[in-house]
Amino acid sequence: MENDYGCDMRGMLSFQILWLLSKKPMHGEEIAREMEKRRGEKPKAGTIYPALKELKEKKLIKGAKKGKTIVYSLTPAGRQGTKRAMAYFCRCFGEIFEQGK
């Protein structure tokens, strides 16, 4: 993913998906739109769906078919993992945000 940040932001994909799903269950297109609001560009299906598949295989999310759409939500393990990941993120990067104030 090309960007102007000087570093590769792709490693944040799974974390961002889990964080979004901690707010409410969503389908893949909805996740992509929410990411677009925050990133400024919409991730492609070839980026989103493999990440969803991996999170599902790790039993962090589950998918429920609603008509032709699959709506994803966090599992209990996913909810706990998201809390731990958020705490880790704040420990690692919180100082950066404090300096920006």
PDB file of N, CA and C in Angstrom:
ATOM      1  N   MET A   1       0.848  -1.168   0.000  1.00  0.00           N
ATOM      2  CA  MET A   1       0.000   0.000   0.000  1.00  0.00           C
ATOM      3  C   MET A   1       0.895   1.233   0.000  1.00  0.00           C
ATOM      4  N   GLU A   2       0.823   2.022  -1.033  1.00  0.00           N
ATOM      5  CA  GLU A   2       1.604   3.247  -1.135  1.00  0.00           C
ATOM      6  C   GLU A   2       1.022   4.299  -0.199  1.00  0.00           C
ATOM      7  N   ASN A   3       1.910   5.040   0.458  1.00  0.00           N
ATOM      8  CA  ASN A   3       1.442   6.129   1.314  1.00  0.00           C
ATOM      9  C   ASN A   3       2.540   7.163   1.468  1.00  0.00           C
ATOM     10  N   ASP A   4       2.215   8.237   2.152  1.00  0.00           N
ATOM     11  CA  ASP A   4       3.170   9.309   2.396  1.00  0.00           C
ATOM     12  C   ASP A   4       3.701   9.280   3.817  1.00  0.00           C
ATOM     13  N   TYR A   5       3.541   8.161   4.526  1.00  0.00           N
ATOM     14  CA  TYR A   5       3.902   8.101   5.937  1.00  0.00           C
ATOM     15  C   TYR A   5       5.366   7.750   6.171  1.00  0.00           C
ATOM     16  N   GLY A   6       6.042   7.274   5.160  1.00  0.00           N
ATOM     17  CA  GLY A   6       7.431   6.879   5.327  1.00  0.00           C
ATOM     18  C   GLY A   6       7.591   5.505   5.954  1.00  0.00           C
ATOM     19  N   CYS A   7       6.480   4.825   6.217  1.00  0.00           N
ATOM     20  CA  CYS A   7       6.548   3.472   6.760  1.00  0.00           C
ATOM     21  C   CYS A   7       5.333   2.686   6.277  1.00  0.00           C
ATOM     22  N   ASP A   8       5.420   1.390   6.402  1.00  0.00           N
ATOM     23  CA  ASP A   8       4.365   0.493   5.925  1.00  0.00           C
ATOM     24  C   ASP A   8       3.294   0.345   6.999  1.00  0.00           C
ATOM     25  N   MET A   9       2.070   0.774   6.697  1.00  0.00           N
ATOM     26  CA  MET A   9       0.986   0.735   7.671  1.00  0.00           C
ATOM     27  C   MET A   9       0.156  -0.551   7.577  1.00  0.00           C
ATOM     28  N   ARG A  10       0.528  -1.496   6.711  1.00  0.00           N
ATOM     29  CA  ARG A  10      -0.286  -2.699   6.516  1.00  0.00           C
ATOM     30  C   ARG A  10      -0.387  -3.566   7.758  1.00  0.00           C
ATOM     31  N   GLY A  11       0.610  -3.532   8.629  1.00  0.00           N
ATOM     32  CA  GLY A  11       0.602  -4.356   9.829  1.00  0.00           C
ATOM     33  C   GLY A  11      -0.534  -4.032  10.782  1.00  0.00           C
ATOM     34  N   MET A  12      -1.185  -2.925  10.559  1.00  0.00           N
ATOM     35  CA  MET A  12      -2.272  -2.494  11.433  1.00  0.00           C
ATOM     36  C   MET A  12      -3.631  -3.042  10.988  1.00  0.00           C
ATOM     37  N   LEU A  13      -3.691  -3.746   9.885  1.00  0.00           N
ATOM     38  CA  LEU A  13      -4.963  -4.187   9.308  1.00  0.00           C
ATOM     39  C   LEU A  13      -5.791  -5.032  10.274  1.00  0.00           C
ATOM     40  N   SER A  14      -5.219  -6.098  10.797  1.00  0.00           N
ATOM     41  CA  SER A  14      -5.966  -6.988  11.694  1.00  0.00           C
ATOM     42  C   SER A  14      -6.404  -6.249  12.943  1.00  0.00           C
ATOM     43  N   PHE A  15      -5.508  -5.451  13.498  1.00  0.00           N
ATOM     44  CA  PHE A  15      -5.839  -4.672  14.690  1.00  0.00           C
ATOM     45  C   PHE A  15      -7.012  -3.739  14.405  1.00  0.00           C
ATOM     46  N   GLN A  16      -6.984  -3.066  13.265  1.00  0.00           N
ATOM     47  CA  GLN A  16      -8.056  -2.134  12.940  1.00  0.00           C
ATOM     48  C   GLN A  16      -9.381  -2.870  12.713  1.00  0.00           C
ATOM     49  N   ILE A  17      -9.338  -4.010  12.065  1.00  0.00           N
ATOM     50  CA  ILE A  17     -10.566  -4.797  11.860  1.00  0.00           C
ATOM     51  C   ILE A  17     -11.150  -5.206  13.212  1.00  0.00           C
ATOM     52  N   LEU A  18     -10.309  -5.718  14.095  1.00  0.00           N
ATOM     53  CA  LEU A  18     -10.792  -6.122  15.413  1.00  0.00           C
ATOM     54  C   LEU A  18     -11.364  -4.932  16.169  1.00  0.00           C
ATOM     55  N   TRP A  19     -10.687  -3.800  16.102  1.00  0.00           N
ATOM     56  CA  TRP A  19     -11.163  -2.608  16.792  1.00  0.00           C
ATOM     57  C   TRP A  19     -12.532  -2.183  16.249  1.00  0.00           C
ATOM     58  N   LEU A  20     -12.680  -2.181  14.916  1.00  0.00           N
ATOM     59  CA  LEU A  20     -13.965  -1.805  14.319  1.00  0.00           C
ATOM     60  C   LEU A  20     -15.072  -2.765  14.752  1.00  0.00           C
ATOM     61  N   LEU A  21     -14.758  -4.051  14.756  1.00  0.00           N
ATOM     62  CA  LEU A  21     -15.766  -5.040  15.152  1.00  0.00           C
ATOM     63  C   LEU A  21     -16.073  -4.984  16.646  1.00  0.00           C
ATOM     64  N   SER A  22     -15.177  -4.391  17.435  1.00  0.00           N
ATOM     65  CA  SER A  22     -15.476  -4.228  18.862  1.00  0.00           C
ATOM     66  C   SER A  22     -16.571  -3.188  19.057  1.00  0.00           C
ATOM     67  N   LYS A  23     -16.790  -2.335  18.056  1.00  0.00           N
ATOM     68  CA  LYS A  23     -17.832  -1.308  18.116  1.00  0.00           C
ATOM     69  C   LYS A  23     -19.201  -1.887  17.752  1.00  0.00           C
ATOM     70  N   LYS A  24     -19.221  -2.731  16.707  1.00  0.00           N
ATOM     71  CA  LYS A  24     -20.470  -3.363  16.272  1.00  0.00           C
ATOM     72  C   LYS A  24     -20.160  -4.403  15.204  1.00  0.00           C
ATOM     73  N   PRO A  25     -21.039  -5.407  15.028  1.00  0.00           N
ATOM     74  CA  PRO A  25     -20.859  -6.375  13.941  1.00  0.00           C
ATOM     75  C   PRO A  25     -20.985  -5.662  12.585  1.00  0.00           C
ATOM     76  N   MET A  26     -20.204  -6.111  11.608  1.00  0.00           N
ATOM     77  CA  MET A  26     -20.213  -5.495  10.276  1.00  0.00           C
ATOM     78  C   MET A  26     -19.920  -6.535   9.213  1.00  0.00           C
ATOM     79  N   HIS A  27     -20.361  -6.236   7.987  1.00  0.00           N
ATOM     80  CA  HIS A  27     -19.978  -7.069   6.843  1.00  0.00           C
ATOM     81  C   HIS A  27     -18.712  -6.471   6.222  1.00  0.00           C
ATOM     82  N   GLY A  28     -18.094  -7.219   5.327  1.00  0.00           N
ATOM     83  CA  GLY A  28     -16.807  -6.832   4.757  1.00  0.00           C
ATOM     84  C   GLY A  28     -16.801  -5.461   4.105  1.00  0.00           C
ATOM     85  N   GLU A  29     -17.814  -5.150   3.326  1.00  0.00           N
ATOM     86  CA  GLU A  29     -17.883  -3.852   2.651  1.00  0.00           C
ATOM     87  C   GLU A  29     -18.003  -2.719   3.663  1.00  0.00           C
ATOM     88  N   GLU A  30     -18.752  -2.963   4.713  1.00  0.00           N
ATOM     89  CA  GLU A  30     -18.916  -1.956   5.766  1.00  0.00           C
ATOM     90  C   GLU A  30     -17.575  -1.705   6.477  1.00  0.00           C
ATOM     91  N   ILE A  31     -16.833  -2.766   6.730  1.00  0.00           N
ATOM     92  CA  ILE A  31     -15.505  -2.637   7.335  1.00  0.00           C
ATOM     93  C   ILE A  31     -14.612  -1.808   6.421  1.00  0.00           C
ATOM     94  N   ALA A  32     -14.636  -2.111   5.129  1.00  0.00           N
ATOM     95  CA  ALA A  32     -13.810  -1.372   4.163  1.00  0.00           C
ATOM     96  C   ALA A  32     -14.175   0.114   4.151  1.00  0.00           C
ATOM     97  N   ARG A  33     -15.463   0.439   4.209  1.00  0.00           N
ATOM     98  CA  ARG A  33     -15.893   1.851   4.222  1.00  0.00           C
ATOM     99  C   ARG A  33     -15.436   2.560   5.493  1.00  0.00           C
ATOM    100  N   GLU A  34     -15.539   1.876   6.620  1.00  0.00           N
ATOM    101  CA  GLU A  34     -15.089   2.475   7.881  1.00  0.00           C
ATOM    102  C   GLU A  34     -13.579   2.718   7.853  1.00  0.00           C
ATOM    103  N   MET A  35     -12.852   1.785   7.269  1.00  0.00           N
ATOM    104  CA  MET A  35     -11.400   1.963   7.153  1.00  0.00           C
ATOM    105  C   MET A  35     -11.074   3.130   6.226  1.00  0.00           C
ATOM    106  N   GLU A  36     -11.854   3.271   5.172  1.00  0.00           N
ATOM    107  CA  GLU A  36     -11.648   4.381   4.238  1.00  0.00           C
ATOM    108  C   GLU A  36     -11.818   5.727   4.951  1.00  0.00           C
ATOM    109  N   LYS A  37     -12.797   5.827   5.829  1.00  0.00           N
ATOM    110  CA  LYS A  37     -13.013   7.067   6.580  1.00  0.00           C
ATOM    111  C   LYS A  37     -11.769   7.441   7.381  1.00  0.00           C
ATOM    112  N   ARG A  38     -11.100   6.449   7.911  1.00  0.00           N
ATOM    113  CA  ARG A  38      -9.961   6.696   8.787  1.00  0.00           C
ATOM    114  C   ARG A  38      -8.641   6.782   8.032  1.00  0.00           C
ATOM    115  N   ARG A  39      -8.493   6.003   6.977  1.00  0.00           N
ATOM    116  CA  ARG A  39      -7.221   5.928   6.239  1.00  0.00           C
ATOM    117  C   ARG A  39      -7.161   6.862   5.038  1.00  0.00           C
ATOM    118  N   GLY A  40      -8.325   7.255   4.555  1.00  0.00           N
ATOM    119  CA  GLY A  40      -8.341   8.102   3.370  1.00  0.00           C
ATOM    120  C   GLY A  40      -8.394   7.323   2.076  1.00  0.00           C
ATOM    121  N   GLU A  41      -8.254   6.015   2.153  1.00  0.00           N
ATOM    122  CA  GLU A  41      -8.387   5.165   0.975  1.00  0.00           C
ATOM    123  C   GLU A  41      -9.044   3.859   1.391  1.00  0.00           C
ATOM    124  N   LYS A  42      -9.835   3.343   0.492  1.00  0.00           N
ATOM    125  CA  LYS A  42     -10.583   2.119   0.775  1.00  0.00           C
ATOM    126  C   LYS A  42      -9.725   0.913   0.441  1.00  0.00           C
ATOM    127  N   PRO A  43      -9.540   0.004   1.405  1.00  0.00           N
ATOM    128  CA  PRO A  43      -8.780  -1.208   1.092  1.00  0.00           C
ATOM    129  C   PRO A  43      -9.552  -2.084   0.112  1.00  0.00           C
ATOM    130  N   LYS A  44      -8.833  -2.780  -0.708  1.00  0.00           N
ATOM    131  CA  LYS A  44      -9.434  -3.662  -1.704  1.00  0.00           C
ATOM    132  C   LYS A  44      -9.945  -4.940  -1.043  1.00  0.00           C
ATOM    133  N   ALA A  45     -10.903  -5.582  -1.697  1.00  0.00           N
ATOM    134  CA  ALA A  45     -11.450  -6.847  -1.198  1.00  0.00           C
ATOM    135  C   ALA A  45     -10.340  -7.875  -1.002  1.00  0.00           C
ATOM    136  N   GLY A  46      -9.338  -7.851  -1.883  1.00  0.00           N
ATOM    137  CA  GLY A  46      -8.213  -8.786  -1.788  1.00  0.00           C
ATOM    138  C   GLY A  46      -7.338  -8.536  -0.581  1.00  0.00           C
ATOM    139  N   THR A  47      -7.560  -7.439   0.099  1.00  0.00           N
ATOM    140  CA  THR A  47      -6.860  -7.130   1.346  1.00  0.00           C
ATOM    141  C   THR A  47      -7.739  -7.496   2.540  1.00  0.00           C
ATOM    142  N   ILE A  48      -8.988  -7.081   2.496  1.00  0.00           N
ATOM    143  CA  ILE A  48      -9.909  -7.271   3.612  1.00  0.00           C
ATOM    144  C   ILE A  48     -10.261  -8.744   3.851  1.00  0.00           C
ATOM    145  N   TYR A  49     -10.681  -9.448   2.797  1.00  0.00           N
ATOM    146  CA  TYR A  49     -11.212 -10.796   3.009  1.00  0.00           C
ATOM    147  C   TYR A  49     -10.166 -11.820   3.445  1.00  0.00           C
ATOM    148  N   PRO A  50      -8.930 -11.776   2.964  1.00  0.00           N
ATOM    149  CA  PRO A  50      -7.925 -12.691   3.529  1.00  0.00           C
ATOM    150  C   PRO A  50      -7.668 -12.408   5.022  1.00  0.00           C
ATOM    151  N   ALA A  51      -7.699 -11.131   5.404  1.00  0.00           N
ATOM    152  CA  ALA A  51      -7.510 -10.785   6.820  1.00  0.00           C
ATOM    153  C   ALA A  51      -8.683 -11.307   7.649  1.00  0.00           C
ATOM    154  N   LEU A  52      -9.901 -11.160   7.140  1.00  0.00           N
ATOM    155  CA  LEU A  52     -11.077 -11.697   7.843  1.00  0.00           C
ATOM    156  C   LEU A  52     -10.971 -13.219   7.970  1.00  0.00           C
ATOM    157  N   LYS A  53     -10.534 -13.870   6.911  1.00  0.00           N
ATOM    158  CA  LYS A  53     -10.381 -15.330   6.941  1.00  0.00           C
ATOM    159  C   LYS A  53      -9.368 -15.747   8.012  1.00  0.00           C
ATOM    160  N   GLU A  54      -8.256 -15.037   8.078  1.00  0.00           N
ATOM    161  CA  GLU A  54      -7.223 -15.364   9.066  1.00  0.00           C
ATOM    162  C   GLU A  54      -7.742 -15.143  10.495  1.00  0.00           C
ATOM    163  N   LEU A  55      -8.438 -14.038  10.713  1.00  0.00           N
ATOM    164  CA  LEU A  55      -8.998 -13.771  12.040  1.00  0.00           C
ATOM    165  C   LEU A  55     -10.036 -14.818  12.424  1.00  0.00           C
ATOM    166  N   LYS A  56     -10.779 -15.296  11.427  1.00  0.00           N
ATOM    167  CA  LYS A  56     -11.770 -16.350  11.660  1.00  0.00           C
ATOM    168  C   LYS A  56     -11.076 -17.672  12.014  1.00  0.00           C
ATOM    169  N   GLU A  57      -9.999 -17.991  11.289  1.00  0.00           N
ATOM    170  CA  GLU A  57      -9.239 -19.215  11.568  1.00  0.00           C
ATOM    171  C   GLU A  57      -8.633 -19.181  12.960  1.00  0.00           C
ATOM    172  N   LYS A  58      -8.270 -17.988  13.427  1.00  0.00           N
ATOM    173  CA  LYS A  58      -7.708 -17.831  14.773  1.00  0.00           C
ATOM    174  C   LYS A  58      -8.802 -17.767  15.834  1.00  0.00           C
ATOM    175  N   LYS A  59     -10.055 -17.888  15.381  1.00  0.00           N
ATOM    176  CA  LYS A  59     -11.232 -17.877  16.261  1.00  0.00           C
ATOM    177  C   LYS A  59     -11.386 -16.565  17.033  1.00  0.00           C
ATOM    178  N   LEU A  60     -10.940 -15.465  16.404  1.00  0.00           N
ATOM    179  CA  LEU A  60     -11.097 -14.145  17.004  1.00  0.00           C
ATOM    180  C   LEU A  60     -12.383 -13.477  16.533  1.00  0.00           C
ATOM    181  N   ILE A  61     -12.874 -13.907  15.364  1.00  0.00           N
ATOM    182  CA  ILE A  61     -14.146 -13.409  14.845  1.00  0.00           C
ATOM    183  C   ILE A  61     -14.966 -14.590  14.348  1.00  0.00           C
ATOM    184  N   LYS A  62     -16.254 -14.347  14.172  1.00  0.00           N
ATOM    185  CA  LYS A  62     -17.136 -15.352  13.569  1.00  0.00           C
ATOM    186  C   LYS A  62     -17.984 -14.643  12.534  1.00  0.00           C
ATOM    187  N   GLY A  63     -18.473 -15.391  11.587  1.00  0.00           N
ATOM    188  CA  GLY A  63     -19.330 -14.835  10.549  1.00  0.00           C
ATOM    189  C   GLY A  63     -20.696 -15.483  10.588  1.00  0.00           C
ATOM    190  N   ALA A  64     -21.724 -14.661  10.482  1.00  0.00           N
ATOM    191  CA  ALA A  64     -23.100 -15.163  10.438  1.00  0.00           C
ATOM    192  C   ALA A  64     -23.718 -14.696   9.134  1.00  0.00           C
ATOM    193  N   LYS A  65     -24.234 -15.645   8.373  1.00  0.00           N
ATOM    194  CA  LYS A  65     -24.823 -15.320   7.074  1.00  0.00           C
ATOM    195  C   LYS A  65     -26.190 -14.676   7.275  1.00  0.00           C
ATOM    196  N   LYS A  66     -26.344 -13.497   6.687  1.00  0.00           N
ATOM    197  CA  LYS A  66     -27.632 -12.774   6.699  1.00  0.00           C
ATOM    198  C   LYS A  66     -27.992 -12.542   5.249  1.00  0.00           C
ATOM    199  N   GLY A  67     -28.829 -13.389   4.698  1.00  0.00           N
ATOM    200  CA  GLY A  67     -29.125 -13.331   3.273  1.00  0.00           C
ATOM    201  C   GLY A  67     -27.885 -13.729   2.504  1.00  0.00           C
ATOM    202  N   LYS A  68     -27.435 -12.863   1.607  1.00  0.00           N
ATOM    203  CA  LYS A  68     -26.220 -13.135   0.829  1.00  0.00           C
ATOM    204  C   LYS A  68     -24.977 -12.556   1.484  1.00  0.00           C
ATOM    205  N   THR A  69     -25.154 -11.876   2.600  1.00  0.00           N
ATOM    206  CA  THR A  69     -24.060 -11.161   3.257  1.00  0.00           C
ATOM    207  C   THR A  69     -23.604 -11.905   4.504  1.00  0.00           C
ATOM    208  N   ILE A  70     -22.317 -11.877   4.760  1.00  0.00           N
ATOM    209  CA  ILE A  70     -21.777 -12.428   6.001  1.00  0.00           C
ATOM    210  C   ILE A  70     -21.451 -11.258   6.914  1.00  0.00           C
ATOM    211  N   VAL A  71     -22.045 -11.274   8.094  1.00  0.00           N
ATOM    212  CA  VAL A  71     -21.799 -10.236   9.092  1.00  0.00           C
ATOM    213  C   VAL A  71     -20.830 -10.814  10.118  1.00  0.00           C
ATOM    214  N   TYR A  72     -19.732 -10.093  10.329  1.00  0.00           N
ATOM    215  CA  TYR A  72     -18.677 -10.545  11.228  1.00  0.00           C
ATOM    216  C   TYR A  72     -18.828  -9.888  12.591  1.00  0.00           C
ATOM    217  N   SER A  73     -18.492 -10.641  13.628  1.00  0.00           N
ATOM    218  CA  SER A  73     -18.495 -10.105  14.988  1.00  0.00           C
ATOM    219  C   SER A  73     -17.363 -10.770  15.762  1.00  0.00           C
ATOM    220  N   LEU A  74     -17.012 -10.154  16.876  1.00  0.00           N
ATOM    221  CA  LEU A  74     -15.954 -10.707  17.705  1.00  0.00           C
ATOM    222  C   LEU A  74     -16.459 -11.915  18.483  1.00  0.00           C
ATOM    223  N   THR A  75     -15.599 -12.879  18.675  1.00  0.00           N
ATOM    224  CA  THR A  75     -15.861 -13.982  19.589  1.00  0.00           C
ATOM    225  C   THR A  75     -15.404 -13.513  20.973  1.00  0.00           C
ATOM    226  N   PRO A  76     -15.710 -14.265  22.024  1.00  0.00           N
ATOM    227  CA  PRO A  76     -15.169 -13.885  23.345  1.00  0.00           C
ATOM    228  C   PRO A  76     -13.631 -13.793  23.319  1.00  0.00           C
ATOM    229  N   ALA A  77     -12.972 -14.712  22.631  1.00  0.00           N
ATOM    230  CA  ALA A  77     -11.508 -14.654  22.513  1.00  0.00           C
ATOM    231  C   ALA A  77     -11.079 -13.403  21.743  1.00  0.00           C
ATOM    232  N   GLY A  78     -11.847 -13.040  20.731  1.00  0.00           N
ATOM    233  CA  GLY A  78     -11.548 -11.837  19.953  1.00  0.00           C
ATOM    234  C   GLY A  78     -11.707 -10.577  20.776  1.00  0.00           C
ATOM    235  N   ARG A  79     -12.729 -10.561  21.634  1.00  0.00           N
ATOM    236  CA  ARG A  79     -12.956  -9.396  22.507  1.00  0.00           C
ATOM    237  C   ARG A  79     -11.778  -9.244  23.479  1.00  0.00           C
ATOM    238  N   GLN A  80     -11.352 -10.350  24.085  1.00  0.00           N
ATOM    239  CA  GLN A  80     -10.210 -10.311  24.998  1.00  0.00           C
ATOM    240  C   GLN A  80      -8.926  -9.932  24.258  1.00  0.00           C
ATOM    241  N   GLY A  81      -8.743 -10.514  23.074  1.00  0.00           N
ATOM    242  CA  GLY A  81      -7.548 -10.202  22.279  1.00  0.00           C
ATOM    243  C   GLY A  81      -7.502  -8.740  21.880  1.00  0.00           C
ATOM    244  N   THR A  82      -8.653  -8.177  21.560  1.00  0.00           N
ATOM    245  CA  THR A  82      -8.716  -6.762  21.177  1.00  0.00           C
ATOM    246  C   THR A  82      -8.360  -5.882  22.366  1.00  0.00           C
ATOM    247  N   LYS A  83      -8.863  -6.215  23.542  1.00  0.00           N
ATOM    248  CA  LYS A  83      -8.521  -5.444  24.751  1.00  0.00           C
ATOM    249  C   LYS A  83      -7.021  -5.488  25.008  1.00  0.00           C
ATOM    250  N   ARG A  84      -6.421  -6.680  24.889  1.00  0.00           N
ATOM    251  CA  ARG A  84      -4.979  -6.810  25.106  1.00  0.00           C
ATOM    252  C   ARG A  84      -4.197  -6.040  24.043  1.00  0.00           C
ATOM    253  N   ALA A  85      -4.650  -6.115  22.792  1.00  0.00           N
ATOM    254  CA  ALA A  85      -3.957  -5.415  21.706  1.00  0.00           C
ATOM    255  C   ALA A  85      -4.049  -3.903  21.897  1.00  0.00           C
ATOM    256  N   MET A  86      -5.200  -3.410  22.357  1.00  0.00           N
ATOM    257  CA  MET A  86      -5.358  -1.973  22.584  1.00  0.00           C
ATOM    258  C   MET A  86      -4.436  -1.514  23.722  1.00  0.00           C
ATOM    259  N   ALA A  87      -4.346  -2.298  24.780  1.00  0.00           N
ATOM    260  CA  ALA A  87      -3.457  -1.953  25.895  1.00  0.00           C
ATOM    261  C   ALA A  87      -2.008  -1.943  25.428  1.00  0.00           C
ATOM    262  N   TYR A  88      -1.639  -2.935  24.617  1.00  0.00           N
ATOM    263  CA  TYR A  88      -0.279  -3.002  24.077  1.00  0.00           C
ATOM    264  C   TYR A  88       0.008  -1.791  23.191  1.00  0.00           C
ATOM    265  N   PHE A  89      -0.937  -1.458  22.321  1.00  0.00           N
ATOM    266  CA  PHE A  89      -0.787  -0.322  21.426  1.00  0.00           C
ATOM    267  C   PHE A  89      -0.577   0.962  22.237  1.00  0.00           C
ATOM    268  N   CYS A  90      -1.374   1.157  23.269  1.00  0.00           N
ATOM    269  CA  CYS A  90      -1.251   2.361  24.097  1.00  0.00           C
ATOM    270  C   CYS A  90       0.088   2.406  24.825  1.00  0.00           C
ATOM    271  N   ARG A  91       0.557   1.241  25.321  1.00  0.00           N
ATOM    272  CA  ARG A  91       1.869   1.198  25.968  1.00  0.00           C
ATOM    273  C   ARG A  91       2.971   1.570  24.993  1.00  0.00           C
ATOM    274  N   CYS A  92       2.877   1.045  23.777  1.00  0.00           N
ATOM    275  CA  CYS A  92       3.934   1.257  22.780  1.00  0.00           C
ATOM    276  C   CYS A  92       3.897   2.650  22.159  1.00  0.00           C
ATOM    277  N   PHE A  93       2.688   3.161  21.905  1.00  0.00           N
ATOM    278  CA  PHE A  93       2.567   4.385  21.116  1.00  0.00           C
ATOM    279  C   PHE A  93       1.916   5.550  21.846  1.00  0.00           C
ATOM    280  N   GLY A  94       1.438   5.348  23.051  1.00  0.00           N
ATOM    281  CA  GLY A  94       0.749   6.403  23.774  1.00  0.00           C
ATOM    282  C   GLY A  94       1.581   7.657  23.936  1.00  0.00           C
ATOM    283  N   GLU A  95       2.871   7.491  24.193  1.00  0.00           N
ATOM    284  CA  GLU A  95       3.772   8.627  24.367  1.00  0.00           C
ATOM    285  C   GLU A  95       3.823   9.500  23.110  1.00  0.00           C
ATOM    286  N   ILE A  96       3.721   8.880  21.958  1.00  0.00           N
ATOM    287  CA  ILE A  96       3.739   9.621  20.696  1.00  0.00           C
ATOM    288  C   ILE A  96       2.568  10.589  20.653  1.00  0.00           C
ATOM    289  N   PHE A  97       1.396  10.134  21.073  1.00  0.00           N
ATOM    290  CA  PHE A  97       0.206  10.974  21.052  1.00  0.00           C
ATOM    291  C   PHE A  97       0.277  12.071  22.104  1.00  0.00           C
ATOM    292  N   GLU A  98       0.871  11.754  23.247  1.00  0.00           N
ATOM    293  CA  GLU A  98       1.039  12.763  24.300  1.00  0.00           C
ATOM    294  C   GLU A  98       1.958  13.892  23.835  1.00  0.00           C
ATOM    295  N   GLN A  99       3.008  13.542  23.090  1.00  0.00           N
ATOM    296  CA  GLN A  99       3.946  14.551  22.589  1.00  0.00           C
ATOM    297  C   GLN A  99       3.308  15.456  21.545  1.00  0.00           C
ATOM    298  N   GLY A 100       2.291  14.946  20.846  1.00  0.00           N
ATOM    299  CA  GLY A 100       1.638  15.698  19.794  1.00  0.00           C
ATOM    300  C   GLY A 100       0.690  16.767  20.315  1.00  0.00           C
ATOM    301  N   LYS A 101       0.403  16.728  21.605  1.00  0.00           N
ATOM    302  CA  LYS A 101      -0.565  17.694  22.170  1.00  0.00           C
ATOM    303  C   LYS A 101       0.062  19.048  22.377  1.00  0.00           C
TER     304      LYS A 101
END
